[in-house]
Amino acid sequence: MPKKDGGKKHGGKTGGGRKKRKAPAPEPALRDLLRVPEGERIDLAAYDAGATPAGPADKTAGLAATTALGPRLAELQERLYAASTAGDRRRLLLVLQGMDTSGKGGTVKHVIGLFNPSGCRIHAFKAPTREERNHPFLWRVVRALPQAGEIGIFDRSHYEDVLVARVRELVPRRLLGRRYGQINRFEKSLAEDGVTVVKVFLHLSYEEQRARLLARLDNPEKHWKFDPGDIEERTLWPAYQQAYELVLERCSTDEAPWYLVPADHKWYRNWAISKLLLEHLEELDPRYPPGDFDVKEYRARLLAT
């Protein structure tokens, strides 16, 4: 918070004795507030998972604000898809990573639900199949990338190969260390090919995860969402936190930065990711392509039928 000035007046006066008004400072983009700086040391314990930086005042306001973003997001998605019909190769890829119950599926439901599903390509990465294990780890990721004009969503991603693989010691450390560089080069190549990569780490607290798992156990209608393996994974929380810290430190780049979104409040998570997508789509500013025909001629012919 800025310090008070002790009652001193600043700025000169204009004619008539009026104080010269300063133009209000523009609000910082949410992407600037949530972005993980490149090469910075990360300590997740220092980040409040229950914070709501630059967010609406409360849940009610947050739900309304997220809904209000819907029409603009849908318009930009349509423009992105329309531009692809004229040869524009640009597309957007949202990468969602986080601990179990952090809200990856909820984001797909509540945020991606604001878009036209026909223009989205959603892929949830599970444990590699036998075929996938016979290929380099990025092979299956390349196959799931969005096409020109599409919005792609990865529920988990290629980062599982430096997260689970590290915690579970699935590959030798010397090979694991190389993967960070491979990922950075891969994402740089995506950016050069017209893919805007928006990587979101859903930062959930240990206490909130327990509450969400308990809610699944206490509601028979949510038992299908509970995996007994979640309890074992929870015992590895410190190791996963360290693995995520390394990912954020080594793989937040100019071409594909990480955004750390506090995820204890579901309404804030949904608003923040919607806002991040909006900022990136507005920066792309896709345009409807002009028609390559004589509009007046075909309008006259249509009216004549």
Protein backbone atom coordinates (compact mmCIF):
# COMPACT_ATOMS: atom_id res chain seq x y z
CA MET A 1 0.00 0.00 0.00
CA PRO A 2 1.35 3.53 -0.76
CA LYS A 3 2.33 5.56 2.25
CA LYS A 4 0.31 8.61 3.21
CA ASP A 5 1.92 11.96 2.43
CA GLY A 6 1.11 13.69 5.72
CA GLY A 7 -1.37 16.08 4.15
CA LYS A 8 1.04 17.70 1.68
CA LYS A 9 -0.41 18.72 -1.66
CA HIS A 10 1.28 17.66 -4.87
CA GLY A 11 1.10 19.09 -8.36
CA GLY A 12 0.57 22.61 -9.62
CA LYS A 13 -2.65 24.48 -10.26
CA THR A 14 -4.37 25.36 -13.51
CA GLY A 15 -6.29 28.51 -14.23
CA GLY A 16 -9.13 29.20 -11.80
CA GLY A 17 -7.22 27.66 -8.88
CA ARG A 18 -8.13 24.09 -9.77
CA LYS A 19 -5.72 21.32 -9.01
CA LYS A 20 -4.30 19.56 -12.03
CA ARG A 21 -5.74 16.09 -12.10
CA LYS A 22 -3.45 13.22 -12.78
CA ALA A 23 -4.65 10.55 -15.13
CA PRO A 24 -5.37 7.36 -13.21
CA ALA A 25 -2.64 4.77 -13.57
CA PRO A 26 -3.74 1.88 -15.80
CA GLU A 27 -4.51 -1.33 -13.98
CA PRO A 28 -1.75 -3.92 -14.41
CA ALA A 29 -2.63 -6.88 -16.56
CA LEU A 30 -3.41 -10.00 -14.57
CA ARG A 31 -0.80 -11.86 -16.60
CA ASP A 32 1.85 -9.51 -15.20
CA LEU A 33 0.70 -10.12 -11.62
CA LEU A 34 0.56 -13.91 -11.88
CA ARG A 35 3.51 -14.54 -14.18
CA VAL A 36 6.44 -16.51 -12.79
CA PRO A 37 9.59 -14.51 -13.67
CA GLU A 38 12.11 -16.32 -15.82
CA GLY A 39 14.94 -17.90 -13.84
CA GLU A 40 13.62 -16.77 -10.44
CA ARG A 41 14.00 -19.03 -7.42
CA ILE A 42 10.56 -20.32 -6.37
CA ASP A 43 9.40 -21.25 -2.88
CA LEU A 44 5.76 -22.33 -3.11
CA ALA A 45 5.35 -22.02 0.65
CA ALA A 46 5.76 -18.26 0.21
CA TYR A 47 2.68 -18.07 -2.06
CA ASP A 48 -0.78 -17.88 -0.44
CA ALA A 49 -3.02 -20.44 -2.14
CA GLY A 50 -6.05 -18.62 -0.73
CA ALA A 51 -5.13 -15.23 -2.14
CA THR A 52 -7.23 -13.45 -4.79
CA PRO A 53 -4.82 -11.01 -6.47
CA ALA A 54 -6.63 -8.32 -8.49
CA GLY A 55 -9.78 -10.42 -8.26
CA PRO A 56 -13.41 -9.46 -7.59
CA ALA A 57 -14.43 -8.65 -4.03
CA ASP A 58 -16.02 -11.99 -3.17
CA LYS A 59 -17.50 -15.19 -4.57
CA THR A 60 -20.76 -13.59 -5.71
CA ALA A 61 -18.92 -10.85 -7.57
CA GLY A 62 -16.45 -13.39 -8.93
CA LEU A 63 -19.13 -15.62 -10.41
CA ALA A 64 -20.80 -12.62 -12.03
CA ALA A 65 -17.51 -11.32 -13.40
CA THR A 66 -16.63 -14.70 -14.92
CA THR A 67 -20.03 -14.93 -16.60
CA ALA A 68 -19.61 -11.40 -17.94
CA LEU A 69 -16.36 -12.41 -19.67
CA GLY A 70 -18.16 -15.14 -21.61
CA PRO A 71 -19.49 -13.17 -24.60
CA ARG A 72 -16.15 -11.49 -25.27
CA LEU A 73 -14.26 -14.78 -25.02
CA ALA A 74 -16.73 -16.44 -27.38
CA GLU A 75 -16.38 -13.59 -29.88
CA LEU A 76 -12.60 -13.77 -29.89
CA GLN A 77 -12.70 -17.55 -30.26
CA GLU A 78 -14.97 -17.22 -33.29
CA ARG A 79 -12.69 -14.60 -34.81
CA LEU A 80 -9.66 -16.85 -34.24
CA TYR A 81 -11.39 -19.74 -35.98
CA ALA A 82 -12.66 -17.54 -38.80
CA ALA A 83 -9.16 -16.17 -39.42
CA SER A 84 -7.87 -19.71 -39.86
CA THR A 85 -10.12 -20.17 -42.91
CA ALA A 86 -8.04 -17.46 -44.61
CA GLY A 87 -4.70 -19.08 -43.78
CA ASP A 88 -4.01 -17.64 -40.31
CA ARG A 89 -2.17 -20.46 -38.48
CA ARG A 90 -2.42 -19.00 -34.99
CA ARG A 91 -3.98 -20.96 -32.14
CA LEU A 92 -3.90 -21.02 -28.34
CA LEU A 93 -2.91 -23.82 -25.97
CA LEU A 94 -3.92 -23.75 -22.29
CA VAL A 95 -1.79 -26.07 -20.14
CA LEU A 96 -3.25 -26.94 -16.72
CA GLN A 97 -1.04 -28.47 -14.03
CA GLY A 98 -1.60 -28.91 -10.32
CA MET A 99 -2.00 -31.39 -7.52
CA ASP A 100 -5.01 -33.71 -7.36
CA THR A 101 -8.26 -31.76 -6.69
CA SER A 102 -6.60 -28.44 -7.67
CA GLY A 103 -9.32 -27.92 -10.26
CA LYS A 104 -8.09 -28.94 -13.68
CA GLY A 105 -11.38 -30.64 -14.50
CA GLY A 106 -13.34 -27.80 -12.92
CA THR A 107 -11.53 -25.32 -15.13
CA VAL A 108 -12.45 -27.30 -18.23
CA LYS A 109 -16.09 -27.35 -17.12
CA HIS A 110 -16.53 -23.75 -15.97
CA VAL A 111 -14.04 -21.81 -18.08
CA ILE A 112 -13.79 -23.73 -21.33
CA GLY A 113 -17.57 -24.04 -21.16
CA LEU A 114 -17.67 -20.35 -22.11
CA PHE A 115 -16.33 -21.27 -25.57
CA ASN A 116 -17.91 -23.06 -28.52
CA PRO A 117 -16.84 -26.69 -27.95
CA SER A 118 -16.50 -27.32 -31.69
CA GLY A 119 -13.49 -24.98 -31.71
CA CYS A 120 -11.78 -26.59 -28.72
CA ARG A 121 -9.46 -29.59 -28.58
CA ILE A 122 -9.30 -31.03 -25.04
CA HIS A 123 -6.86 -33.73 -24.05
CA ALA A 124 -6.39 -35.29 -20.60
CA PHE A 125 -3.01 -36.95 -20.25
CA LYS A 126 -3.01 -40.19 -18.27
CA ALA A 127 -0.20 -42.64 -17.58
CA PRO A 128 1.57 -43.40 -20.88
CA THR A 129 0.29 -46.37 -22.85
CA ARG A 130 2.61 -49.13 -24.04
CA GLU A 131 2.73 -47.53 -27.50
CA GLU A 132 3.51 -44.10 -26.04
CA ARG A 133 6.34 -45.52 -23.95
CA ASN A 134 7.96 -46.75 -27.16
CA HIS A 135 8.35 -43.15 -28.37
CA PRO A 136 10.12 -40.01 -27.02
CA PHE A 137 8.08 -38.43 -24.23
CA LEU A 138 6.94 -35.47 -26.36
CA TRP A 139 5.55 -37.72 -29.10
CA ARG A 140 2.08 -38.03 -27.61
CA VAL A 141 1.96 -34.30 -26.89
CA VAL A 142 2.61 -33.35 -30.51
CA ARG A 143 -0.31 -35.56 -31.58
CA ALA A 144 -2.68 -33.68 -29.25
CA LEU A 145 -1.80 -30.11 -30.26
CA PRO A 146 -4.58 -27.75 -31.43
CA GLN A 147 -4.92 -27.06 -35.13
CA ALA A 148 -4.98 -23.57 -36.65
CA GLY A 149 -7.85 -21.51 -35.25
CA GLU A 150 -8.48 -23.86 -32.32
CA ILE A 151 -8.14 -23.47 -28.57
CA GLY A 152 -6.38 -26.47 -27.07
CA ILE A 153 -6.60 -27.51 -23.43
CA PHE A 154 -4.21 -29.92 -21.77
CA ASP A 155 -5.50 -31.43 -18.51
CA ARG A 156 -2.01 -32.36 -17.31
CA SER A 157 0.64 -32.33 -20.00
CA HIS A 158 4.23 -33.05 -20.98
CA TYR A 159 5.19 -31.74 -17.54
CA GLU A 160 4.07 -35.02 -16.03
CA ASP A 161 7.33 -36.36 -17.48
CA VAL A 162 9.35 -34.16 -15.13
CA LEU A 163 6.91 -34.25 -12.20
CA VAL A 164 5.66 -37.80 -11.67
CA ALA A 165 8.81 -39.10 -13.34
CA ARG A 166 10.92 -37.23 -10.79
CA VAL A 167 8.89 -38.02 -7.68
CA ARG A 168 8.45 -41.68 -8.59
CA GLU A 169 11.99 -41.98 -9.99
CA LEU A 170 10.69 -43.45 -13.24
CA VAL A 171 13.72 -42.35 -15.28
CA PRO A 172 17.40 -41.82 -14.41
CA ARG A 173 18.17 -38.33 -13.07
CA ARG A 174 20.65 -37.62 -15.89
CA LEU A 175 17.85 -38.15 -18.45
CA LEU A 176 15.35 -36.24 -16.35
CA GLY A 177 17.64 -33.22 -16.24
CA ARG A 178 17.73 -33.04 -20.03
CA ARG A 179 13.97 -32.94 -20.31
CA TYR A 180 13.64 -29.37 -18.99
CA GLY A 181 15.73 -28.11 -21.89
CA GLN A 182 13.85 -30.30 -24.36
CA ILE A 183 10.55 -28.87 -23.10
CA ASN A 184 11.80 -25.28 -23.43
CA ARG A 185 12.99 -25.86 -26.98
CA PHE A 186 9.72 -27.60 -27.85
CA GLU A 187 7.62 -24.73 -26.51
CA LYS A 188 9.79 -22.18 -28.31
CA SER A 189 9.15 -24.05 -31.56
CA LEU A 190 5.42 -23.93 -30.84
CA ALA A 191 5.55 -20.17 -30.37
CA GLU A 192 7.44 -19.80 -33.65
CA ASP A 193 4.71 -21.84 -35.35
CA GLY A 194 1.91 -19.56 -34.13
CA VAL A 195 0.90 -21.29 -30.89
CA THR A 196 0.25 -19.02 -27.90
CA VAL A 197 1.09 -21.21 -24.89
CA VAL A 198 -0.65 -20.27 -21.62
CA LYS A 199 0.68 -22.46 -18.81
CA VAL A 200 -1.23 -22.33 -15.52
CA PHE A 201 -0.07 -23.88 -12.27
CA LEU A 202 -3.05 -24.27 -9.93
CA HIS A 203 -1.57 -23.59 -6.50
CA LEU A 204 -3.58 -25.54 -3.92
CA SER A 205 -2.90 -25.70 -0.19
CA TYR A 206 -2.38 -28.97 1.68
CA GLU A 207 -5.37 -28.21 3.94
CA GLU A 208 -7.73 -27.42 1.06
CA GLN A 209 -6.79 -30.64 -0.72
CA ARG A 210 -7.74 -32.63 2.39
CA ALA A 211 -11.09 -30.81 2.57
CA ARG A 212 -11.84 -31.58 -1.09
CA LEU A 213 -10.91 -35.24 -0.74
CA LEU A 214 -13.10 -35.52 2.35
CA ALA A 215 -15.99 -33.95 0.44
CA ARG A 216 -15.65 -36.67 -2.18
CA LEU A 217 -15.64 -39.41 0.45
CA ASP A 218 -18.61 -37.95 2.30
CA ASN A 219 -20.82 -37.67 -0.79
CA PRO A 220 -21.77 -40.98 -2.47
CA GLU A 221 -22.41 -39.10 -5.70
CA LYS A 222 -18.75 -38.04 -5.73
CA HIS A 223 -17.24 -41.45 -5.00
CA TRP A 224 -16.56 -41.93 -8.72
CA LYS A 225 -14.15 -38.98 -8.53
CA PHE A 226 -12.17 -40.47 -5.64
CA ASP A 227 -9.10 -42.55 -6.35
CA PRO A 228 -7.63 -44.49 -3.39
CA GLY A 229 -4.24 -43.70 -4.88
CA ASP A 230 -4.83 -40.02 -4.04
CA ILE A 231 -4.05 -40.78 -0.40
CA GLU A 232 -0.70 -42.30 -1.26
CA GLU A 233 0.10 -39.38 -3.57
CA ARG A 234 -0.74 -37.02 -0.72
CA THR A 235 2.03 -38.54 1.40
CA LEU A 236 4.42 -37.38 -1.33
CA TRP A 237 3.28 -33.75 -1.11
CA PRO A 238 6.72 -32.31 -0.18
CA ALA A 239 8.38 -34.11 -3.09
CA TYR A 240 5.73 -32.87 -5.53
CA GLN A 241 6.06 -29.31 -4.25
CA GLN A 242 9.80 -29.46 -4.88
CA ALA A 243 9.23 -30.92 -8.34
CA TYR A 244 6.81 -28.11 -9.20
CA GLU A 245 9.26 -25.51 -7.92
CA LEU A 246 11.89 -26.86 -10.31
CA VAL A 247 9.42 -26.78 -13.22
CA LEU A 248 8.47 -23.17 -12.50
CA GLU A 249 12.10 -22.14 -12.12
CA ARG A 250 13.44 -23.89 -15.21
CA CYS A 251 10.54 -23.69 -17.66
CA SER A 252 9.07 -20.20 -17.34
CA THR A 253 10.35 -18.52 -20.49
CA ASP A 254 9.53 -15.48 -22.60
CA GLU A 255 7.96 -17.74 -25.22
CA ALA A 256 5.93 -19.79 -22.73
CA PRO A 257 5.79 -18.33 -19.21
CA TRP A 258 4.13 -19.98 -16.25
CA TYR A 259 1.25 -18.30 -14.41
CA LEU A 260 0.75 -19.18 -10.75
CA VAL A 261 -2.97 -19.07 -9.96
CA PRO A 262 -4.05 -19.46 -6.30
CA ALA A 263 -6.62 -22.27 -6.38
CA ASP A 264 -8.11 -22.59 -2.90
CA HIS A 265 -11.08 -20.46 -4.03
CA LYS A 266 -12.69 -22.11 -7.04
CA TRP A 267 -14.49 -18.93 -8.07
CA TYR A 268 -11.20 -17.01 -8.17
CA ARG A 269 -9.48 -19.79 -10.10
CA ASN A 270 -12.19 -19.71 -12.77
CA TRP A 271 -12.18 -15.91 -13.01
CA ALA A 272 -8.38 -15.67 -13.15
CA ILE A 273 -7.99 -18.26 -15.91
CA SER A 274 -10.85 -16.69 -17.90
CA LYS A 275 -9.13 -13.31 -17.55
CA LEU A 276 -5.75 -14.71 -18.58
CA LEU A 277 -7.28 -16.26 -21.69
CA LEU A 278 -9.05 -13.01 -22.51
CA GLU A 279 -5.83 -10.99 -22.22
CA HIS A 280 -3.97 -13.36 -24.52
CA LEU A 281 -6.76 -13.53 -27.10
CA GLU A 282 -7.11 -9.75 -27.12
CA GLU A 283 -3.38 -9.47 -27.72
CA LEU A 284 -3.73 -11.85 -30.68
CA ASP A 285 -6.62 -9.68 -31.93
CA PRO A 286 -7.81 -12.10 -34.64
CA ARG A 287 -9.93 -10.55 -37.38
CA TYR A 288 -12.77 -11.81 -39.50
CA PRO A 289 -11.41 -12.33 -43.03
CA PRO A 290 -13.01 -10.25 -45.82
CA GLY A 291 -15.15 -12.04 -48.36
CA ASP A 292 -13.54 -12.83 -51.70
CA PHE A 293 -16.74 -12.26 -53.67
CA ASP A 294 -18.96 -9.36 -54.73
CA VAL A 295 -21.37 -8.94 -51.81
CA LYS A 296 -23.78 -6.67 -53.73
CA GLU A 297 -24.01 -9.10 -56.63
CA TYR A 298 -24.80 -12.11 -54.49
CA ARG A 299 -27.22 -10.14 -52.32
CA ALA A 300 -29.13 -9.08 -55.43
CA ARG A 301 -29.16 -12.64 -56.75
CA LEU A 302 -30.44 -13.95 -53.41
CA LEU A 303 -33.24 -11.37 -53.29
CA ALA A 304 -34.23 -12.32 -56.82
CA THR A 305 -34.89 -15.94 -55.86
